[in-house]
Amino acid sequence: MSLVNQDVMKQLDVWLTMLIEVEGADLHIKSNSAIRARVKSDIVLLSKEVIEAETIEALVKALTGDAYESFKETKEFDGAYSLSTKYRFRVNIYMHIGGFAIAFRLIPSYIKTIEELNLPTALHKLAHLRRGLVLVTGTTGSGKSTTLASIVEEINKTYHHHIITIEDPIEYVHNDAKSIVEQRELGLHTNSFSRALRAAMREDPDIIVVGEIRDLATAESILQAVNTGHLVFSTVHTLDARETIDRLIAIFPTNEQNRVRATLAATLEAVISQRLIKGISGDMVPAIEMMFRSPLIQELIRSKRDNEIQDAIEKEGIMFDSITFNQALFDLTLAEKITEEQAYQYASSPSDLKLMFTMSQEYEKKYKNNKKEDDLFLKEES
């Protein structure tokens, strides 16, 4: 590495250290702009220092290394970066109208448990599965990877299994506990998700973790894996269970979709969808929709009645531990984790959520008690 590159990497380490000190999640660097960070969902100024085009280009060359020529052709780069042995970051480099831009996502070295992440305890069920398909969904930054890592780590510490992960890039690092875990990164250890999946079938896995379902080849390979009795976890960039099922089926040609529906009806164990909300306390609060396998859900998928899935989740909540986003948001509001206004903002159906609040005697009672306390306070103040 040249002296110039060494200097710019030292500066990068300074910025990343600042990110850690302010408990930020993401660092954003772009040409001819100040350094910014995402802290508790908000973008804030981290350093007034303006990054010149030459500096960020040197940084890009240092981060991409031998892949720099490929980056110039594709205009995209995904990778990872380590700050000492304690902190790892997911890195995405891209082009924009002003030149280069780089986004760093902090990957905590410690994998938190389901309880530590304030996730529903029903997610423990997923660590005890032996076969089938589990999908964790949500938008970018919703915590999909963190939730999935927590479940995988629970399996690692509980069972004597062989776990193979295929990621782009590797984020959370799992050290062998009771299980053995082999993590493969796209580009470094394999050329595609689908090829790595096909190879995994000959590597004696109990559990396969696929970072993301991106294309038809990967989706088909996953269905083959679950059809042969393996447990497969993956993620999808979708908002809820119904959209996830529709999106996965739509990847396939029309003449294949009935077969895919039959496979999903038989093997889909759960769809876990999540959204992160900046709560009243200022901390990020997860709102989780959970759809667990049931005879009714299986029949709805098989018979193309996807529009009834949300109602089924609501009806089967107590029996199968399923829960809709609206119910999760209602519970968080009642627990005073988020405001009612935030609940409407993140709701799948704000009108249905409004009806839940209106019909709830428990919420009305709590609201009236709070109002009485406020009125008493105002009376005393006057």
Protein backbone atom coordinates (compact mmCIF):
# COMPACT_ATOMS: atom_id res chain seq x y z
CA MET A 1 0.00 0.00 0.00
CA SER A 2 1.37 3.41 -0.99
CA LEU A 3 2.09 6.12 1.56
CA VAL A 4 -0.91 8.11 0.30
CA ASN A 5 -3.19 5.11 0.77
CA GLN A 6 -1.77 4.46 4.23
CA ASP A 7 -2.54 8.03 5.27
CA VAL A 8 -6.10 7.93 3.95
CA MET A 9 -6.76 4.60 5.67
CA LYS A 10 -5.53 6.05 8.96
CA GLN A 11 -7.99 8.90 8.48
CA LEU A 12 -10.75 6.40 7.75
CA ASP A 13 -10.00 4.65 11.04
CA VAL A 14 -10.38 7.99 12.82
CA TRP A 15 -13.84 8.54 11.32
CA LEU A 16 -14.93 4.99 12.10
CA THR A 17 -13.74 5.39 15.67
CA MET A 18 -15.80 8.58 15.94
CA LEU A 19 -18.82 6.64 14.66
CA ILE A 20 -18.37 4.04 17.39
CA GLU A 21 -17.97 6.72 20.07
CA VAL A 22 -21.30 8.34 19.17
CA GLU A 23 -22.95 4.89 19.00
CA GLY A 24 -23.77 5.34 15.33
CA ALA A 25 -24.82 2.63 12.90
CA ASP A 26 -23.62 3.96 9.52
CA LEU A 27 -20.83 6.22 8.24
CA HIS A 28 -21.38 8.15 4.99
CA ILE A 29 -18.53 9.59 2.94
CA LYS A 30 -18.96 11.35 -0.41
CA SER A 31 -16.87 13.56 -2.66
CA ASN A 32 -16.61 17.24 -1.71
CA SER A 33 -18.83 16.83 1.34
CA ALA A 34 -18.54 16.64 5.12
CA ILE A 35 -18.61 13.31 6.98
CA ARG A 36 -22.03 12.23 8.21
CA ALA A 37 -23.36 9.34 10.27
CA ARG A 38 -26.65 7.69 11.08
CA VAL A 39 -27.29 7.80 14.82
CA LYS A 40 -30.59 6.37 16.12
CA SER A 41 -32.24 6.65 12.69
CA ASP A 42 -31.14 10.28 12.05
CA ILE A 43 -28.37 11.50 9.73
CA VAL A 44 -26.06 13.80 11.73
CA LEU A 45 -22.85 15.71 11.01
CA LEU A 46 -19.89 13.71 12.31
CA SER A 47 -17.03 15.91 11.05
CA LYS A 48 -16.99 19.25 9.25
CA GLU A 49 -13.93 18.11 7.30
CA VAL A 50 -14.73 18.18 3.59
CA ILE A 51 -13.50 15.17 1.62
CA GLU A 52 -11.88 16.17 -1.66
CA ALA A 53 -12.34 14.06 -4.77
CA GLU A 54 -8.68 12.95 -4.79
CA THR A 55 -8.88 11.77 -1.18
CA ILE A 56 -12.00 9.67 -1.63
CA GLU A 57 -10.61 8.18 -4.85
CA ALA A 58 -7.51 7.06 -2.95
CA LEU A 59 -9.80 5.60 -0.29
CA VAL A 60 -11.80 3.72 -2.92
CA LYS A 61 -8.64 2.26 -4.45
CA ALA A 62 -7.40 1.12 -1.04
CA LEU A 63 -10.73 -0.50 -0.11
CA THR A 64 -11.28 -2.27 -3.43
CA GLY A 65 -7.67 -3.42 -3.92
CA ASP A 66 -7.43 -5.90 -6.80
CA ALA A 67 -11.14 -5.40 -7.51
CA TYR A 68 -10.69 -1.72 -8.45
CA GLU A 69 -10.74 -2.36 -12.21
CA SER A 70 -13.88 -4.43 -11.85
CA PHE A 71 -15.45 -1.66 -9.76
CA LYS A 72 -14.75 0.88 -12.53
CA GLU A 73 -16.75 -1.30 -14.90
CA THR A 74 -19.67 -2.20 -12.63
CA LYS A 75 -19.76 1.09 -10.66
CA GLU A 76 -20.71 -0.98 -7.56
CA PHE A 77 -18.68 -2.68 -4.85
CA ASP A 78 -19.69 -4.69 -1.77
CA GLY A 79 -17.12 -5.70 0.80
CA ALA A 80 -16.12 -5.67 4.44
CA TYR A 81 -13.57 -3.74 6.49
CA SER A 82 -12.10 -4.44 9.93
CA LEU A 83 -11.08 -1.81 12.46
CA SER A 84 -8.53 -3.69 14.58
CA THR A 85 -9.88 -7.08 15.65
CA LYS A 86 -12.87 -5.69 17.50
CA TYR A 87 -15.04 -3.96 14.90
CA ARG A 88 -16.19 -5.01 11.43
CA PHE A 89 -18.05 -2.98 8.84
CA ARG A 90 -20.04 -3.81 5.75
CA VAL A 91 -18.87 -1.55 2.91
CA ASN A 92 -20.71 -0.40 -0.20
CA ILE A 93 -18.98 1.87 -2.73
CA TYR A 94 -20.95 3.51 -5.52
CA MET A 95 -20.97 6.41 -7.97
CA HIS A 96 -23.19 9.48 -7.87
CA ILE A 97 -23.43 12.81 -9.66
CA GLY A 98 -20.63 14.29 -7.55
CA GLY A 99 -18.20 11.36 -7.87
CA PHE A 100 -17.64 8.53 -5.35
CA ALA A 101 -19.67 7.69 -2.25
CA ILE A 102 -19.04 5.08 0.45
CA ALA A 103 -21.39 3.69 3.10
CA PHE A 104 -20.06 1.77 6.10
CA ARG A 105 -22.45 -0.28 8.27
CA LEU A 106 -21.15 -1.26 11.73
CA ILE A 107 -21.47 -4.98 12.41
CA PRO A 108 -21.36 -5.59 16.16
CA SER A 109 -18.79 -8.20 17.17
CA TYR A 110 -21.15 -9.56 19.81
CA ILE A 111 -24.23 -11.35 18.52
CA LYS A 112 -27.12 -10.41 20.77
CA THR A 113 -29.76 -12.88 21.87
CA ILE A 114 -33.43 -12.65 20.95
CA GLU A 115 -34.16 -11.16 24.38
CA GLU A 116 -31.34 -8.61 24.12
CA LEU A 117 -32.74 -7.46 20.76
CA ASN A 118 -36.21 -7.07 22.31
CA LEU A 119 -37.62 -9.53 19.77
CA PRO A 120 -40.66 -11.74 20.44
CA THR A 121 -39.80 -14.89 22.40
CA ALA A 122 -41.74 -16.92 19.82
CA LEU A 123 -38.70 -16.60 17.55
CA HIS A 124 -36.97 -19.21 19.70
CA LYS A 125 -39.18 -21.74 17.88
CA LEU A 126 -37.14 -21.18 14.74
CA ALA A 127 -33.93 -22.37 16.40
CA HIS A 128 -35.53 -25.76 17.08
CA LEU A 129 -36.70 -26.51 13.54
CA ARG A 130 -35.21 -29.45 11.68
CA ARG A 131 -36.31 -28.74 8.11
CA GLY A 132 -38.19 -26.24 5.99
CA LEU A 133 -37.83 -22.62 4.87
CA VAL A 134 -37.70 -19.53 7.09
CA LEU A 135 -37.70 -16.05 5.53
CA VAL A 136 -36.70 -12.88 7.40
CA THR A 137 -37.91 -9.79 5.56
CA GLY A 138 -37.86 -6.02 5.72
CA THR A 139 -36.40 -2.95 4.08
CA THR A 140 -32.71 -2.05 4.15
CA GLY A 141 -31.69 -1.15 7.71
CA SER A 142 -34.63 -2.91 9.34
CA GLY A 143 -32.40 -5.37 11.21
CA LYS A 144 -32.95 -8.50 9.11
CA SER A 145 -29.31 -9.61 9.30
CA THR A 146 -29.17 -9.01 13.06
CA THR A 147 -32.29 -11.06 13.72
CA LEU A 148 -31.11 -13.88 11.48
CA ALA A 149 -27.66 -13.91 13.12
CA SER A 150 -29.29 -14.16 16.56
CA ILE A 151 -31.31 -17.22 15.52
CA VAL A 152 -28.30 -18.89 13.87
CA GLU A 153 -26.14 -18.25 16.93
CA GLU A 154 -28.77 -19.82 19.19
CA ILE A 155 -28.68 -22.93 17.00
CA ASN A 156 -24.87 -22.86 17.08
CA LYS A 157 -24.83 -22.83 20.88
CA THR A 158 -27.65 -25.35 21.36
CA TYR A 159 -27.32 -28.13 18.79
CA HIS A 160 -24.62 -30.28 17.22
CA HIS A 161 -25.28 -29.23 13.63
CA HIS A 162 -23.35 -28.39 10.47
CA ILE A 163 -24.25 -24.84 9.37
CA ILE A 164 -23.18 -23.34 6.04
CA THR A 165 -23.79 -19.66 5.31
CA ILE A 166 -23.55 -17.95 1.91
CA GLU A 167 -23.34 -14.17 2.31
CA ASP A 168 -22.57 -10.98 0.40
CA PRO A 169 -20.57 -9.95 2.32
CA ILE A 170 -20.05 -11.90 5.56
CA GLU A 171 -21.39 -9.74 8.36
CA TYR A 172 -21.67 -11.40 11.78
CA VAL A 173 -18.94 -13.95 12.41
CA HIS A 174 -20.04 -17.19 14.08
CA ASN A 175 -17.36 -19.13 15.95
CA ASP A 176 -17.91 -22.85 16.33
CA ALA A 177 -19.76 -23.72 19.55
CA LYS A 178 -21.69 -26.98 19.66
CA SER A 179 -22.15 -26.71 15.90
CA ILE A 180 -19.60 -26.22 13.17
CA VAL A 181 -20.20 -23.11 11.08
CA GLU A 182 -18.64 -22.42 7.69
CA GLN A 183 -19.23 -18.96 6.25
CA ARG A 184 -18.72 -18.32 2.55
CA GLU A 185 -18.60 -14.88 0.95
CA LEU A 186 -19.75 -14.10 -2.57
CA GLY A 187 -16.73 -13.18 -4.68
CA LEU A 188 -14.16 -14.52 -2.23
CA HIS A 189 -15.31 -18.09 -1.68
CA THR A 190 -17.95 -18.60 -4.38
CA ASN A 191 -19.11 -16.92 -7.57
CA SER A 192 -22.87 -17.05 -6.97
CA PHE A 193 -25.51 -17.90 -4.39
CA SER A 194 -27.02 -20.57 -6.63
CA ARG A 195 -23.69 -22.35 -7.31
CA ALA A 196 -22.78 -22.28 -3.63
CA LEU A 197 -26.22 -23.70 -2.77
CA ARG A 198 -25.84 -26.55 -5.23
CA ALA A 199 -22.39 -27.29 -3.84
CA ALA A 200 -23.69 -27.14 -0.26
CA MET A 201 -25.99 -30.07 -0.97
CA ARG A 202 -22.84 -32.23 -1.25
CA GLU A 203 -21.23 -30.82 1.92
CA ASP A 204 -23.40 -32.59 4.51
CA PRO A 205 -25.22 -29.51 5.88
CA ASP A 206 -28.02 -29.54 8.42
CA ILE A 207 -28.74 -25.84 7.98
CA ILE A 208 -28.06 -23.50 5.06
CA VAL A 209 -28.22 -19.72 5.46
CA VAL A 210 -28.53 -17.70 2.24
CA GLY A 211 -27.89 -13.98 2.63
CA GLU A 212 -30.59 -12.92 0.16
CA ILE A 213 -32.88 -14.31 -2.52
CA ARG A 214 -31.97 -12.19 -5.53
CA ASP A 215 -32.81 -14.22 -8.62
CA LEU A 216 -34.55 -17.24 -10.09
CA ALA A 217 -31.49 -19.51 -9.85
CA THR A 218 -31.08 -18.84 -6.12
CA ALA A 219 -34.81 -19.27 -5.44
CA GLU A 220 -34.88 -22.58 -7.33
CA SER A 221 -31.81 -23.88 -5.49
CA ILE A 222 -33.40 -22.98 -2.14
CA LEU A 223 -36.58 -24.88 -3.00
CA GLN A 224 -34.49 -27.90 -3.99
CA ALA A 225 -32.68 -27.73 -0.65
CA VAL A 226 -35.86 -27.60 1.42
CA ASN A 227 -37.42 -30.36 -0.69
CA THR A 228 -34.54 -32.65 0.25
CA GLY A 229 -35.14 -32.12 3.96
CA HIS A 230 -32.75 -29.29 4.83
CA LEU A 231 -33.49 -26.24 6.97
CA VAL A 232 -32.88 -23.05 4.99
CA PHE A 233 -32.90 -19.46 6.25
CA SER A 234 -32.84 -16.48 3.91
CA THR A 235 -33.87 -12.82 3.63
CA VAL A 236 -36.08 -10.91 1.20
CA HIS A 237 -36.54 -7.16 0.74
CA THR A 238 -40.31 -7.18 1.29
CA LEU A 239 -42.65 -5.50 3.78
CA ASP A 240 -44.83 -8.32 5.10
CA ALA A 241 -45.74 -12.00 4.80
CA ARG A 242 -48.24 -11.65 1.98
CA GLU A 243 -45.89 -9.57 -0.18
CA THR A 244 -43.04 -12.00 0.54
CA ILE A 245 -45.01 -15.00 -0.72
CA ASP A 246 -46.23 -13.11 -3.78
CA ARG A 247 -42.73 -11.85 -4.61
CA LEU A 248 -41.12 -15.28 -4.26
CA ILE A 249 -43.72 -16.93 -6.48
CA ALA A 250 -43.50 -14.12 -9.06
CA ILE A 251 -39.78 -14.81 -9.56
CA PHE A 252 -40.72 -18.02 -11.37
CA PRO A 253 -42.22 -18.37 -14.86
CA THR A 254 -46.02 -18.60 -14.93
CA ASN A 255 -46.02 -22.27 -15.86
CA GLU A 256 -43.90 -23.06 -12.76
CA GLN A 257 -45.87 -21.09 -10.20
CA ASN A 258 -48.32 -23.82 -9.19
CA ARG A 259 -45.39 -26.11 -8.41
CA VAL A 260 -43.74 -23.35 -6.35
CA ARG A 261 -46.98 -22.74 -4.45
CA ALA A 262 -47.23 -26.42 -3.60
CA THR A 263 -43.62 -26.44 -2.38
CA LEU A 264 -44.08 -23.32 -0.24
CA ALA A 265 -47.31 -24.66 1.22
CA ALA A 266 -45.48 -27.82 2.27
CA THR A 267 -42.17 -26.32 3.45
CA LEU A 268 -42.56 -22.65 4.46
CA GLU A 269 -42.24 -22.65 8.25
CA ALA A 270 -42.30 -18.91 8.95
CA VAL A 271 -42.08 -15.42 7.50
CA ILE A 272 -40.68 -12.89 9.97
CA SER A 273 -41.06 -9.28 8.81
CA GLN A 274 -39.71 -6.35 10.78
CA ARG A 275 -39.47 -2.59 10.93
CA LEU A 276 -37.28 -0.50 13.23
CA ILE A 277 -38.88 2.54 14.85
CA LYS A 278 -37.20 5.29 16.85
CA GLY A 279 -39.07 4.90 20.11
CA ILE A 280 -40.13 7.38 22.77
CA SER A 281 -36.91 6.74 24.69
CA GLY A 282 -34.80 7.48 21.61
CA ASP A 283 -33.76 3.84 21.17
CA MET A 284 -34.66 1.79 18.10
CA VAL A 285 -37.67 -0.44 18.73
CA PRO A 286 -38.40 -3.49 16.55
CA ALA A 287 -41.96 -4.04 15.34
CA ILE A 288 -42.33 -7.64 14.20
CA GLU A 289 -44.95 -9.41 12.10
CA MET A 290 -44.74 -13.21 12.47
CA MET A 291 -46.47 -15.72 10.24
CA PHE A 292 -45.94 -19.30 11.40
CA ARG A 293 -46.95 -22.37 9.46
CA SER A 294 -50.50 -23.62 10.03
CA PRO A 295 -53.01 -25.75 8.09
CA LEU A 296 -54.94 -22.61 7.15
CA ILE A 297 -51.84 -20.76 5.91
CA GLN A 298 -50.82 -23.82 3.90
CA GLU A 299 -54.24 -23.99 2.26
CA LEU A 300 -54.27 -20.25 1.47
CA ILE A 301 -50.87 -20.46 -0.25
CA ARG A 302 -51.80 -23.61 -2.15
CA SER A 303 -55.15 -22.23 -3.38
CA LYS A 304 -53.84 -18.75 -4.40
CA ARG A 305 -55.78 -16.94 -1.64
CA ASP A 306 -52.87 -14.74 -0.60
CA ASN A 307 -55.21 -11.81 0.06
CA GLU A 308 -56.57 -13.73 3.07
CA ILE A 309 -53.18 -14.28 4.72
CA GLN A 310 -53.31 -11.15 6.91
CA ASP A 311 -56.71 -12.16 8.30
CA ALA A 312 -55.42 -15.68 8.96
CA ILE A 313 -52.40 -14.34 10.88
CA GLU A 314 -54.74 -12.26 13.03
CA LYS A 315 -57.17 -15.13 13.70
CA GLU A 316 -54.47 -17.70 14.48
CA GLY A 317 -52.34 -15.52 16.71
CA ILE A 318 -52.95 -17.27 20.02
CA MET A 319 -52.81 -20.81 18.66
CA PHE A 320 -49.70 -20.47 16.45
CA ASP A 321 -47.92 -17.39 17.95
CA SER A 322 -48.49 -15.42 14.75
CA ILE A 323 -48.99 -11.65 14.93
CA THR A 324 -49.77 -8.90 12.42
CA PHE A 325 -47.84 -5.64 12.15
CA ASN A 326 -50.90 -3.75 13.32
CA GLN A 327 -51.15 -5.85 16.48
CA ALA A 328 -47.43 -5.48 17.13
CA LEU A 329 -47.68 -1.70 16.74
CA PHE A 330 -50.77 -1.59 18.96
CA ASP A 331 -48.93 -3.53 21.70
CA LEU A 332 -45.87 -1.27 21.45
CA THR A 333 -48.11 1.79 21.79
CA LEU A 334 -49.90 0.34 24.79
CA ALA A 335 -46.50 -0.42 26.37
CA GLU A 336 -45.54 3.23 25.75
CA LYS A 337 -42.57 2.20 23.58
CA ILE A 338 -43.82 4.24 20.60
CA THR A 339 -46.44 6.94 20.10
CA GLU A 340 -49.83 6.41 18.49
CA GLU A 341 -48.73 8.69 15.63
CA GLN A 342 -45.71 6.47 14.98
CA ALA A 343 -47.92 3.39 15.01
CA TYR A 344 -50.06 4.88 12.22
CA GLN A 345 -46.94 5.85 10.28
CA TYR A 346 -45.60 2.29 10.21
CA ALA A 347 -48.91 0.42 10.04
CA SER A 348 -49.76 -1.87 7.13
CA SER A 349 -53.32 -0.54 7.33
CA PRO A 350 -53.67 2.72 9.31
CA SER A 351 -57.48 2.56 9.07
CA ASP A 352 -57.58 -0.93 10.61
CA LEU A 353 -55.18 0.17 13.33
CA LYS A 354 -57.39 3.20 14.04
CA LEU A 355 -60.30 0.82 14.55
CA MET A 356 -58.20 -1.26 16.97
CA PHE A 357 -57.49 1.80 19.10
CA THR A 358 -61.12 2.89 18.96
CA MET A 359 -62.44 -0.53 19.97
CA SER A 360 -59.90 -1.22 22.69
CA GLN A 361 -61.24 -0.71 26.21
CA GLU A 362 -57.75 -1.25 27.60
CA TYR A 363 -56.30 1.58 25.49
CA GLU A 364 -59.26 3.84 26.27
CA LYS A 365 -58.89 3.19 30.00
CA LYS A 366 -55.19 3.95 29.90
CA TYR A 367 -55.76 7.07 27.81
CA LYS A 368 -58.42 8.34 30.23
CA ASN A 369 -56.18 7.72 33.25
CA ASN A 370 -53.35 9.66 31.59
CA LYS A 371 -55.76 12.45 30.71
CA LYS A 372 -56.98 12.67 34.33
CA GLU A 373 -53.38 12.95 35.54
CA ASP A 374 -52.69 15.69 32.97
CA ASP A 375 -55.85 17.61 33.97
CA LEU A 376 -54.94 17.34 37.66
CA PHE A 377 -51.44 18.62 36.93
CA LEU A 378 -52.77 21.57 34.94
CA LYS A 379 -55.27 22.40 37.72
CA GLU A 380 -52.51 22.38 40.33
CA GLU A 381 -50.30 24.55 38.12
CA SER A 382 -53.07 27.14 37.71
